[in-house]
Amino acid sequence: MAREREREVVALHVRVSGTVQGVGFRWFVRERARRLGLSGWVRNNADGSVEVAAEGDEPQIELLRTELQKGPSGAFVKSIEDVDTGPSEPVETPFGIIR
């Protein structure tokens, strides 16, 4: 009988810049992350960027990163920058929006 591989949880912590506030970006991220079964959060930053912290299986994390590059209609993603430090807020289950 084949042994199942242990699930390896990976983390994503990024800052998304461009036209990403006021266009439903946080809602878009929350819905995509929940569909992918990820834990985490999304929030607006004072500098106009959106910060995303997520945890889950690597394939789903990579799918979320791809979705972040697209964003919702009305958004323009200029860059996605990895944040070196861990998230300042605890990761939420289910994925949520921090206000």
PDB file of N, CA and C in Angstrom:
ATOM      1  N   MET A   1       0.848  -1.168   0.000  1.00  0.00           N
ATOM      2  CA  MET A   1       0.000   0.000   0.000  1.00  0.00           C
ATOM      3  C   MET A   1       0.900   1.240   0.000  1.00  0.00           C
ATOM      4  N   ALA A   2       0.605   2.184  -0.871  1.00  0.00           N
ATOM      5  CA  ALA A   2       1.419   3.402  -0.981  1.00  0.00           C
ATOM      6  C   ALA A   2       1.165   4.307   0.220  1.00  0.00           C
ATOM      7  N   ARG A   3       2.249   4.896   0.694  1.00  0.00           N
ATOM      8  CA  ARG A   3       2.128   5.836   1.813  1.00  0.00           C
ATOM      9  C   ARG A   3       1.746   7.210   1.280  1.00  0.00           C
ATOM     10  N   GLU A   4       0.829   7.852   1.964  1.00  0.00           N
ATOM     11  CA  GLU A   4       0.461   9.215   1.586  1.00  0.00           C
ATOM     12  C   GLU A   4       1.540  10.167   2.044  1.00  0.00           C
ATOM     13  N   ARG A   5       1.847  11.132   1.191  1.00  0.00           N
ATOM     14  CA  ARG A   5       2.804  12.172   1.575  1.00  0.00           C
ATOM     15  C   ARG A   5       2.168  13.077   2.608  1.00  0.00           C
ATOM     16  N   GLU A   6       2.993  13.518   3.546  1.00  0.00           N
ATOM     17  CA  GLU A   6       2.498  14.482   4.518  1.00  0.00           C
ATOM     18  C   GLU A   6       2.253  15.802   3.819  1.00  0.00           C
ATOM     19  N   ARG A   7       1.184  16.456   4.201  1.00  0.00           N
ATOM     20  CA  ARG A   7       0.895  17.779   3.642  1.00  0.00           C
ATOM     21  C   ARG A   7       1.908  18.771   4.183  1.00  0.00           C
ATOM     22  N   GLU A   8       2.492  19.528   3.285  1.00  0.00           N
ATOM     23  CA  GLU A   8       3.411  20.572   3.705  1.00  0.00           C
ATOM     24  C   GLU A   8       2.715  21.913   3.525  1.00  0.00           C
ATOM     25  N   VAL A   9       2.539  22.606   4.620  1.00  0.00           N
ATOM     26  CA  VAL A   9       1.892  23.911   4.576  1.00  0.00           C
ATOM     27  C   VAL A   9       2.958  24.952   4.255  1.00  0.00           C
ATOM     28  N   VAL A  10       2.670  25.780   3.258  1.00  0.00           N
ATOM     29  CA  VAL A  10       3.578  26.856   2.886  1.00  0.00           C
ATOM     30  C   VAL A  10       2.871  28.185   3.102  1.00  0.00           C
ATOM     31  N   ALA A  11       3.669  29.237   3.229  1.00  0.00           N
ATOM     32  CA  ALA A  11       3.128  30.559   3.509  1.00  0.00           C
ATOM     33  C   ALA A  11       3.445  31.527   2.379  1.00  0.00           C
ATOM     34  N   LEU A  12       2.569  32.476   2.214  1.00  0.00           N
ATOM     35  CA  LEU A  12       2.733  33.564   1.258  1.00  0.00           C
ATOM     36  C   LEU A  12       2.471  34.854   2.019  1.00  0.00           C
ATOM     37  N   HIS A  13       3.373  35.826   1.903  1.00  0.00           N
ATOM     38  CA  HIS A  13       3.161  37.137   2.515  1.00  0.00           C
ATOM     39  C   HIS A  13       3.678  38.161   1.520  1.00  0.00           C
ATOM     40  N   VAL A  14       2.747  38.879   0.876  1.00  0.00           N
ATOM     41  CA  VAL A  14       3.115  39.797  -0.199  1.00  0.00           C
ATOM     42  C   VAL A  14       2.409  41.140  -0.059  1.00  0.00           C
ATOM     43  N   ARG A  15       2.993  42.123  -0.730  1.00  0.00           N
ATOM     44  CA  ARG A  15       2.397  43.451  -0.854  1.00  0.00           C
ATOM     45  C   ARG A  15       2.119  43.671  -2.337  1.00  0.00           C
ATOM     46  N   VAL A  16       0.864  43.968  -2.663  1.00  0.00           N
ATOM     47  CA  VAL A  16       0.441  44.170  -4.043  1.00  0.00           C
ATOM     48  C   VAL A  16       0.250  45.670  -4.261  1.00  0.00           C
ATOM     49  N   SER A  17       0.929  46.206  -5.276  1.00  0.00           N
ATOM     50  CA  SER A  17       0.860  47.637  -5.567  1.00  0.00           C
ATOM     51  C   SER A  17       0.229  47.877  -6.926  1.00  0.00           C
ATOM     52  N   GLY A  18      -0.296  49.073  -7.096  1.00  0.00           N
ATOM     53  CA  GLY A  18      -0.951  49.482  -8.332  1.00  0.00           C
ATOM     54  C   GLY A  18      -2.298  50.089  -7.990  1.00  0.00           C
ATOM     55  N   THR A  19      -3.267  49.918  -8.864  1.00  0.00           N
ATOM     56  CA  THR A  19      -4.636  50.353  -8.584  1.00  0.00           C
ATOM     57  C   THR A  19      -5.340  49.155  -7.954  1.00  0.00           C
ATOM     58  N   VAL A  20      -5.204  49.058  -6.624  1.00  0.00           N
ATOM     59  CA  VAL A  20      -5.698  47.876  -5.917  1.00  0.00           C
ATOM     60  C   VAL A  20      -6.604  48.223  -4.730  1.00  0.00           C
ATOM     61  N   GLN A  21      -6.851  49.501  -4.514  1.00  0.00           N
ATOM     62  CA  GLN A  21      -7.805  49.901  -3.486  1.00  0.00           C
ATOM     63  C   GLN A  21      -8.984  50.587  -4.151  1.00  0.00           C
ATOM     64  N   GLY A  22     -10.173  50.324  -3.620  1.00  0.00           N
ATOM     65  CA  GLY A  22     -11.385  50.923  -4.172  1.00  0.00           C
ATOM     66  C   GLY A  22     -11.911  50.208  -5.406  1.00  0.00           C
ATOM     67  N   VAL A  23     -11.393  49.006  -5.684  1.00  0.00           N
ATOM     68  CA  VAL A  23     -11.820  48.243  -6.868  1.00  0.00           C
ATOM     69  C   VAL A  23     -12.274  46.828  -6.501  1.00  0.00           C
ATOM     70  N   GLY A  24     -12.507  46.566  -5.210  1.00  0.00           N
ATOM     71  CA  GLY A  24     -12.951  45.241  -4.771  1.00  0.00           C
ATOM     72  C   GLY A  24     -11.837  44.215  -4.679  1.00  0.00           C
ATOM     73  N   PHE A  25     -10.606  44.685  -4.558  1.00  0.00           N
ATOM     74  CA  PHE A  25      -9.473  43.764  -4.544  1.00  0.00           C
ATOM     75  C   PHE A  25      -9.471  42.862  -3.318  1.00  0.00           C
ATOM     76  N   ARG A  26      -9.751  43.411  -2.136  1.00  0.00           N
ATOM     77  CA  ARG A  26      -9.755  42.582  -0.916  1.00  0.00           C
ATOM     78  C   ARG A  26     -10.831  41.498  -0.996  1.00  0.00           C
ATOM     79  N   TRP A  27     -12.016  41.864  -1.452  1.00  0.00           N
ATOM     80  CA  TRP A  27     -13.093  40.889  -1.586  1.00  0.00           C
ATOM     81  C   TRP A  27     -12.689  39.804  -2.578  1.00  0.00           C
ATOM     82  N   PHE A  28     -12.110  40.214  -3.718  1.00  0.00           N
ATOM     83  CA  PHE A  28     -11.635  39.291  -4.742  1.00  0.00           C
ATOM     84  C   PHE A  28     -10.641  38.290  -4.149  1.00  0.00           C
ATOM     85  N   VAL A  29      -9.672  38.789  -3.384  1.00  0.00           N
ATOM     86  CA  VAL A  29      -8.652  37.923  -2.782  1.00  0.00           C
ATOM     87  C   VAL A  29      -9.290  36.966  -1.783  1.00  0.00           C
ATOM     88  N   ARG A  30     -10.167  37.488  -0.932  1.00  0.00           N
ATOM     89  CA  ARG A  30     -10.817  36.636   0.073  1.00  0.00           C
ATOM     90  C   ARG A  30     -11.572  35.492  -0.592  1.00  0.00           C
ATOM     91  N   GLU A  31     -12.351  35.806  -1.617  1.00  0.00           N
ATOM     92  CA  GLU A  31     -13.147  34.767  -2.284  1.00  0.00           C
ATOM     93  C   GLU A  31     -12.262  33.736  -2.975  1.00  0.00           C
ATOM     94  N   ARG A  32     -11.216  34.165  -3.651  1.00  0.00           N
ATOM     95  CA  ARG A  32     -10.303  33.233  -4.321  1.00  0.00           C
ATOM     96  C   ARG A  32      -9.597  32.348  -3.289  1.00  0.00           C
ATOM     97  N   ALA A  33      -9.121  32.943  -2.215  1.00  0.00           N
ATOM     98  CA  ALA A  33      -8.411  32.186  -1.184  1.00  0.00           C
ATOM     99  C   ALA A  33      -9.323  31.160  -0.516  1.00  0.00           C
ATOM    100  N   ARG A  34     -10.563  31.540  -0.239  1.00  0.00           N
ATOM    101  CA  ARG A  34     -11.504  30.601   0.376  1.00  0.00           C
ATOM    102  C   ARG A  34     -11.798  29.434  -0.561  1.00  0.00           C
ATOM    103  N   ARG A  35     -11.983  29.711  -1.851  1.00  0.00           N
ATOM    104  CA  ARG A  35     -12.226  28.636  -2.816  1.00  0.00           C
ATOM    105  C   ARG A  35     -11.047  27.671  -2.881  1.00  0.00           C
ATOM    106  N   LEU A  36      -9.846  28.189  -2.667  1.00  0.00           N
ATOM    107  CA  LEU A  36      -8.644  27.360  -2.701  1.00  0.00           C
ATOM    108  C   LEU A  36      -8.375  26.666  -1.362  1.00  0.00           C
ATOM    109  N   GLY A  37      -9.195  26.942  -0.346  1.00  0.00           N
ATOM    110  CA  GLY A  37      -9.046  26.304   0.959  1.00  0.00           C
ATOM    111  C   GLY A  37      -7.891  26.850   1.775  1.00  0.00           C
ATOM    112  N   LEU A  38      -7.533  28.114   1.554  1.00  0.00           N
ATOM    113  CA  LEU A  38      -6.398  28.722   2.260  1.00  0.00           C
ATOM    114  C   LEU A  38      -6.845  29.456   3.513  1.00  0.00           C
ATOM    115  N   SER A  39      -5.942  29.560   4.452  1.00  0.00           N
ATOM    116  CA  SER A  39      -6.136  30.387   5.640  1.00  0.00           C
ATOM    117  C   SER A  39      -5.367  31.675   5.416  1.00  0.00           C
ATOM    118  N   GLY A  40      -5.770  32.747   6.111  1.00  0.00           N
ATOM    119  CA  GLY A  40      -5.009  33.981   6.012  1.00  0.00           C
ATOM    120  C   GLY A  40      -5.873  35.211   6.057  1.00  0.00           C
ATOM    121  N   TRP A  41      -5.324  36.308   5.549  1.00  0.00           N
ATOM    122  CA  TRP A  41      -6.035  37.578   5.566  1.00  0.00           C
ATOM    123  C   TRP A  41      -5.517  38.498   4.469  1.00  0.00           C
ATOM    124  N   VAL A  42      -6.309  39.537   4.201  1.00  0.00           N
ATOM    125  CA  VAL A  42      -5.955  40.580   3.251  1.00  0.00           C
ATOM    126  C   VAL A  42      -6.346  41.910   3.885  1.00  0.00           C
ATOM    127  N   ARG A  43      -5.535  42.951   3.653  1.00  0.00           N
ATOM    128  CA  ARG A  43      -5.862  44.270   4.190  1.00  0.00           C
ATOM    129  C   ARG A  43      -5.278  45.370   3.305  1.00  0.00           C
ATOM    130  N   ASN A  44      -5.911  46.550   3.376  1.00  0.00           N
ATOM    131  CA  ASN A  44      -5.385  47.730   2.722  1.00  0.00           C
ATOM    132  C   ASN A  44      -4.287  48.327   3.594  1.00  0.00           C
ATOM    133  N   ASN A  45      -3.257  48.868   2.965  1.00  0.00           N
ATOM    134  CA  ASN A  45      -2.205  49.601   3.672  1.00  0.00           C
ATOM    135  C   ASN A  45      -2.363  51.086   3.387  1.00  0.00           C
ATOM    136  N   ALA A  46      -1.862  51.910   4.293  1.00  0.00           N
ATOM    137  CA  ALA A  46      -1.982  53.363   4.163  1.00  0.00           C
ATOM    138  C   ALA A  46      -1.303  53.899   2.903  1.00  0.00           C
ATOM    139  N   ASP A  47      -0.305  53.180   2.385  1.00  0.00           N
ATOM    140  CA  ASP A  47       0.420  53.645   1.200  1.00  0.00           C
ATOM    141  C   ASP A  47      -0.297  53.323  -0.115  1.00  0.00           C
ATOM    142  N   GLY A  48      -1.503  52.753  -0.059  1.00  0.00           N
ATOM    143  CA  GLY A  48      -2.271  52.431  -1.260  1.00  0.00           C
ATOM    144  C   GLY A  48      -2.098  51.005  -1.745  1.00  0.00           C
ATOM    145  N   SER A  49      -1.200  50.249  -1.099  1.00  0.00           N
ATOM    146  CA  SER A  49      -1.006  48.847  -1.470  1.00  0.00           C
ATOM    147  C   SER A  49      -1.974  47.967  -0.700  1.00  0.00           C
ATOM    148  N   VAL A  50      -2.019  46.702  -1.086  1.00  0.00           N
ATOM    149  CA  VAL A  50      -2.813  45.696  -0.383  1.00  0.00           C
ATOM    150  C   VAL A  50      -1.851  44.608   0.071  1.00  0.00           C
ATOM    151  N   GLU A  51      -1.973  44.198   1.321  1.00  0.00           N
ATOM    152  CA  GLU A  51      -1.110  43.165   1.896  1.00  0.00           C
ATOM    153  C   GLU A  51      -1.897  41.866   2.021  1.00  0.00           C
ATOM    154  N   VAL A  52      -1.260  40.757   1.665  1.00  0.00           N
ATOM    155  CA  VAL A  52      -1.906  39.447   1.694  1.00  0.00           C
ATOM    156  C   VAL A  52      -1.005  38.474   2.437  1.00  0.00           C
ATOM    157  N   ALA A  53      -1.571  37.754   3.402  1.00  0.00           N
ATOM    158  CA  ALA A  53      -0.868  36.670   4.099  1.00  0.00           C
ATOM    159  C   ALA A  53      -1.739  35.429   3.970  1.00  0.00           C
ATOM    160  N   ALA A  54      -1.154  34.343   3.483  1.00  0.00           N
ATOM    161  CA  ALA A  54      -1.928  33.115   3.274  1.00  0.00           C
ATOM    162  C   ALA A  54      -1.084  31.899   3.609  1.00  0.00           C
ATOM    163  N   GLU A  55      -1.753  30.833   4.027  1.00  0.00           N
ATOM    164  CA  GLU A  55      -1.109  29.553   4.298  1.00  0.00           C
ATOM    165  C   GLU A  55      -1.952  28.445   3.694  1.00  0.00           C
ATOM    166  N   GLY A  56      -1.256  27.409   3.200  1.00  0.00           N
ATOM    167  CA  GLY A  56      -1.951  26.256   2.645  1.00  0.00           C
ATOM    168  C   GLY A  56      -1.008  25.402   1.835  1.00  0.00           C
ATOM    169  N   ASP A  57      -1.570  24.497   1.054  1.00  0.00           N
ATOM    170  CA  ASP A  57      -0.770  23.627   0.202  1.00  0.00           C
ATOM    171  C   ASP A  57      -0.113  24.448  -0.899  1.00  0.00           C
ATOM    172  N   GLU A  58       1.102  24.047  -1.279  1.00  0.00           N
ATOM    173  CA  GLU A  58       1.870  24.817  -2.261  1.00  0.00           C
ATOM    174  C   GLU A  58       1.137  25.056  -3.582  1.00  0.00           C
ATOM    175  N   PRO A  59       0.476  24.053  -4.175  1.00  0.00           N
ATOM    176  CA  PRO A  59      -0.210  24.321  -5.447  1.00  0.00           C
ATOM    177  C   PRO A  59      -1.286  25.408  -5.319  1.00  0.00           C
ATOM    178  N   GLN A  60      -2.020  25.409  -4.214  1.00  0.00           N
ATOM    179  CA  GLN A  60      -3.060  26.406  -4.009  1.00  0.00           C
ATOM    180  C   GLN A  60      -2.461  27.788  -3.755  1.00  0.00           C
ATOM    181  N   ILE A  61      -1.346  27.840  -3.042  1.00  0.00           N
ATOM    182  CA  ILE A  61      -0.664  29.119  -2.815  1.00  0.00           C
ATOM    183  C   ILE A  61      -0.195  29.691  -4.149  1.00  0.00           C
ATOM    184  N   GLU A  62       0.345  28.866  -5.010  1.00  0.00           N
ATOM    185  CA  GLU A  62       0.801  29.339  -6.324  1.00  0.00           C
ATOM    186  C   GLU A  62      -0.375  29.805  -7.186  1.00  0.00           C
ATOM    187  N   LEU A  63      -1.508  29.114  -7.081  1.00  0.00           N
ATOM    188  CA  LEU A  63      -2.705  29.566  -7.804  1.00  0.00           C
ATOM    189  C   LEU A  63      -3.167  30.931  -7.298  1.00  0.00           C
ATOM    190  N   LEU A  64      -3.108  31.138  -5.981  1.00  0.00           N
ATOM    191  CA  LEU A  64      -3.487  32.436  -5.431  1.00  0.00           C
ATOM    192  C   LEU A  64      -2.540  33.512  -5.947  1.00  0.00           C
ATOM    193  N   ARG A  65      -1.245  33.235  -5.969  1.00  0.00           N
ATOM    194  CA  ARG A  65      -0.273  34.223  -6.473  1.00  0.00           C
ATOM    195  C   ARG A  65      -0.616  34.604  -7.919  1.00  0.00           C
ATOM    196  N   THR A  66      -0.997  33.629  -8.728  1.00  0.00           N
ATOM    197  CA  THR A  66      -1.395  33.893 -10.115  1.00  0.00           C
ATOM    198  C   THR A  66      -2.634  34.781 -10.163  1.00  0.00           C
ATOM    199  N   GLU A  67      -3.612  34.497  -9.294  1.00  0.00           N
ATOM    200  CA  GLU A  67      -4.834  35.303  -9.236  1.00  0.00           C
ATOM    201  C   GLU A  67      -4.529  36.732  -8.794  1.00  0.00           C
ATOM    202  N   LEU A  68      -3.567  36.893  -7.876  1.00  0.00           N
ATOM    203  CA  LEU A  68      -3.193  38.230  -7.427  1.00  0.00           C
ATOM    204  C   LEU A  68      -2.644  39.059  -8.579  1.00  0.00           C
ATOM    205  N   GLN A  69      -1.929  38.439  -9.489  1.00  0.00           N
ATOM    206  CA  GLN A  69      -1.373  39.162 -10.636  1.00  0.00           C
ATOM    207  C   GLN A  69      -2.470  39.680 -11.555  1.00  0.00           C
ATOM    208  N   LYS A  70      -3.593  38.958 -11.622  1.00  0.00           N
ATOM    209  CA  LYS A  70      -4.716  39.367 -12.467  1.00  0.00           C
ATOM    210  C   LYS A  70      -5.575  40.405 -11.769  1.00  0.00           C
ATOM    211  N   GLY A  71      -6.004  40.100 -10.540  1.00  0.00           N
ATOM    212  CA  GLY A  71      -6.905  40.978  -9.807  1.00  0.00           C
ATOM    213  C   GLY A  71      -8.281  41.025 -10.437  1.00  0.00           C
ATOM    214  N   PRO A  72      -9.203  41.737  -9.794  1.00  0.00           N
ATOM    215  CA  PRO A  72     -10.553  41.883 -10.345  1.00  0.00           C
ATOM    216  C   PRO A  72     -10.546  42.901 -11.482  1.00  0.00           C
ATOM    217  N   SER A  73     -11.642  42.929 -12.241  1.00  0.00           N
ATOM    218  CA  SER A  73     -11.741  43.957 -13.277  1.00  0.00           C
ATOM    219  C   SER A  73     -11.726  45.318 -12.575  1.00  0.00           C
ATOM    220  N   GLY A  74     -11.076  46.270 -13.153  1.00  0.00           N
ATOM    221  CA  GLY A  74     -10.942  47.593 -12.531  1.00  0.00           C
ATOM    222  C   GLY A  74      -9.637  47.754 -11.792  1.00  0.00           C
ATOM    223  N   ALA A  75      -8.977  46.653 -11.489  1.00  0.00           N
ATOM    224  CA  ALA A  75      -7.683  46.721 -10.801  1.00  0.00           C
ATOM    225  C   ALA A  75      -6.562  46.702 -11.832  1.00  0.00           C
ATOM    226  N   PHE A  76      -5.449  47.319 -11.464  1.00  0.00           N
ATOM    227  CA  PHE A  76      -4.227  47.241 -12.254  1.00  0.00           C
ATOM    228  C   PHE A  76      -3.105  46.899 -11.290  1.00  0.00           C
ATOM    229  N   VAL A  77      -2.559  45.695 -11.423  1.00  0.00           N
ATOM    230  CA  VAL A  77      -1.488  45.246 -10.532  1.00  0.00           C
ATOM    231  C   VAL A  77      -0.160  45.634 -11.157  1.00  0.00           C
ATOM    232  N   LYS A  78       0.531  46.539 -10.481  1.00  0.00           N
ATOM    233  CA  LYS A  78       1.842  47.001 -10.947  1.00  0.00           C
ATOM    234  C   LYS A  78       2.945  46.057 -10.499  1.00  0.00           C
ATOM    235  N   SER A  79       2.865  45.613  -9.233  1.00  0.00           N
ATOM    236  CA  SER A  79       3.895  44.709  -8.718  1.00  0.00           C
ATOM    237  C   SER A  79       3.375  43.900  -7.544  1.00  0.00           C
ATOM    238  N   ILE A  80       4.016  42.745  -7.354  1.00  0.00           N
ATOM    239  CA  ILE A  80       3.774  41.908  -6.177  1.00  0.00           C
ATOM    240  C   ILE A  80       5.132  41.687  -5.544  1.00  0.00           C
ATOM    241  N   GLU A  81       5.276  42.179  -4.326  1.00  0.00           N
ATOM    242  CA  GLU A  81       6.553  42.145  -3.622  1.00  0.00           C
ATOM    243  C   GLU A  81       6.454  41.228  -2.410  1.00  0.00           C
ATOM    244  N   ASP A  82       7.366  40.272  -2.319  1.00  0.00           N
ATOM    245  CA  ASP A  82       7.408  39.416  -1.133  1.00  0.00           C
ATOM    246  C   ASP A  82       7.812  40.249   0.067  1.00  0.00           C
ATOM    247  N   VAL A  83       7.149  40.020   1.183  1.00  0.00           N
ATOM    248  CA  VAL A  83       7.460  40.712   2.431  1.00  0.00           C
ATOM    249  C   VAL A  83       8.366  39.791   3.231  1.00  0.00           C
ATOM    250  N   ASP A  84       9.516  40.302   3.647  1.00  0.00           N
ATOM    251  CA  ASP A  84      10.521  39.479   4.325  1.00  0.00           C
ATOM    252  C   ASP A  84      10.098  39.015   5.707  1.00  0.00           C
ATOM    253  N   THR A  85       9.348  39.820   6.405  1.00  0.00           N
ATOM    254  CA  THR A  85       8.961  39.453   7.762  1.00  0.00           C
ATOM    255  C   THR A  85       7.668  38.660   7.749  1.00  0.00           C
ATOM    256  N   GLY A  86       7.424  37.932   8.808  1.00  0.00           N
ATOM    257  CA  GLY A  86       6.168  37.205   8.939  1.00  0.00           C
ATOM    258  C   GLY A  86       5.021  38.173   9.113  1.00  0.00           C
ATOM    259  N   PRO A  87       3.790  37.727   8.886  1.00  0.00           N
ATOM    260  CA  PRO A  87       2.644  38.610   9.032  1.00  0.00           C
ATOM    261  C   PRO A  87       2.525  39.145  10.452  1.00  0.00           C
ATOM    262  N   SER A  88       2.115  40.398  10.567  1.00  0.00           N
ATOM    263  CA  SER A  88       1.973  41.026  11.883  1.00  0.00           C
ATOM    264  C   SER A  88       0.674  40.616  12.570  1.00  0.00           C
ATOM    265  N   GLU A  89      -0.246  40.068  11.815  1.00  0.00           N
ATOM    266  CA  GLU A  89      -1.530  39.601  12.355  1.00  0.00           C
ATOM    267  C   GLU A  89      -1.562  38.076  12.256  1.00  0.00           C
ATOM    268  N   PRO A  90      -2.231  37.398  13.198  1.00  0.00           N
ATOM    269  CA  PRO A  90      -2.340  35.939  13.083  1.00  0.00           C
ATOM    270  C   PRO A  90      -3.109  35.538  11.834  1.00  0.00           C
ATOM    271  N   VAL A  91      -2.781  34.396  11.282  1.00  0.00           N
ATOM    272  CA  VAL A  91      -3.472  33.884  10.104  1.00  0.00           C
ATOM    273  C   VAL A  91      -4.852  33.404  10.524  1.00  0.00           C
ATOM    274  N   GLU A  92      -5.870  33.765   9.734  1.00  0.00           N
ATOM    275  CA  GLU A  92      -7.255  33.446  10.066  1.00  0.00           C
ATOM    276  C   GLU A  92      -7.774  32.274   9.254  1.00  0.00           C
ATOM    277  N   THR A  93      -8.673  31.527   9.861  1.00  0.00           N
ATOM    278  CA  THR A  93      -9.417  30.493   9.156  1.00  0.00           C
ATOM    279  C   THR A  93     -10.887  30.740   9.462  1.00  0.00           C
ATOM    280  N   PRO A  94     -11.775  30.898   8.493  1.00  0.00           N
ATOM    281  CA  PRO A  94     -11.457  30.988   7.081  1.00  0.00           C
ATOM    282  C   PRO A  94     -10.756  32.302   6.761  1.00  0.00           C
ATOM    283  N   PHE A  95     -10.228  32.376   5.552  1.00  0.00           N
ATOM    284  CA  PHE A  95      -9.517  33.561   5.080  1.00  0.00           C
ATOM    285  C   PHE A  95     -10.414  34.781   5.267  1.00  0.00           C
ATOM    286  N   GLY A  96      -9.850  35.860   5.814  1.00  0.00           N
ATOM    287  CA  GLY A  96     -10.670  37.032   6.110  1.00  0.00           C
ATOM    288  C   GLY A  96     -10.078  38.348   5.649  1.00  0.00           C
ATOM    289  N   ILE A  97     -10.884  39.373   5.771  1.00  0.00           N
ATOM    290  CA  ILE A  97     -10.473  40.740   5.459  1.00  0.00           C
ATOM    291  C   ILE A  97     -10.237  41.463   6.770  1.00  0.00           C
ATOM    292  N   ILE A  98      -9.065  42.068   6.900  1.00  0.00           N
ATOM    293  CA  ILE A  98      -8.762  42.904   8.066  1.00  0.00           C
ATOM    294  C   ILE A  98      -9.036  44.344   7.661  1.00  0.00           C
ATOM    295  N   ARG A  99      -9.758  45.039   8.478  1.00  0.00           N
ATOM    296  CA  ARG A  99     -10.099  46.448   8.165  1.00  0.00           C
ATOM    297  C   ARG A  99      -9.206  47.395   8.905  1.00  0.00           C
TER     298      ARG A  99
END
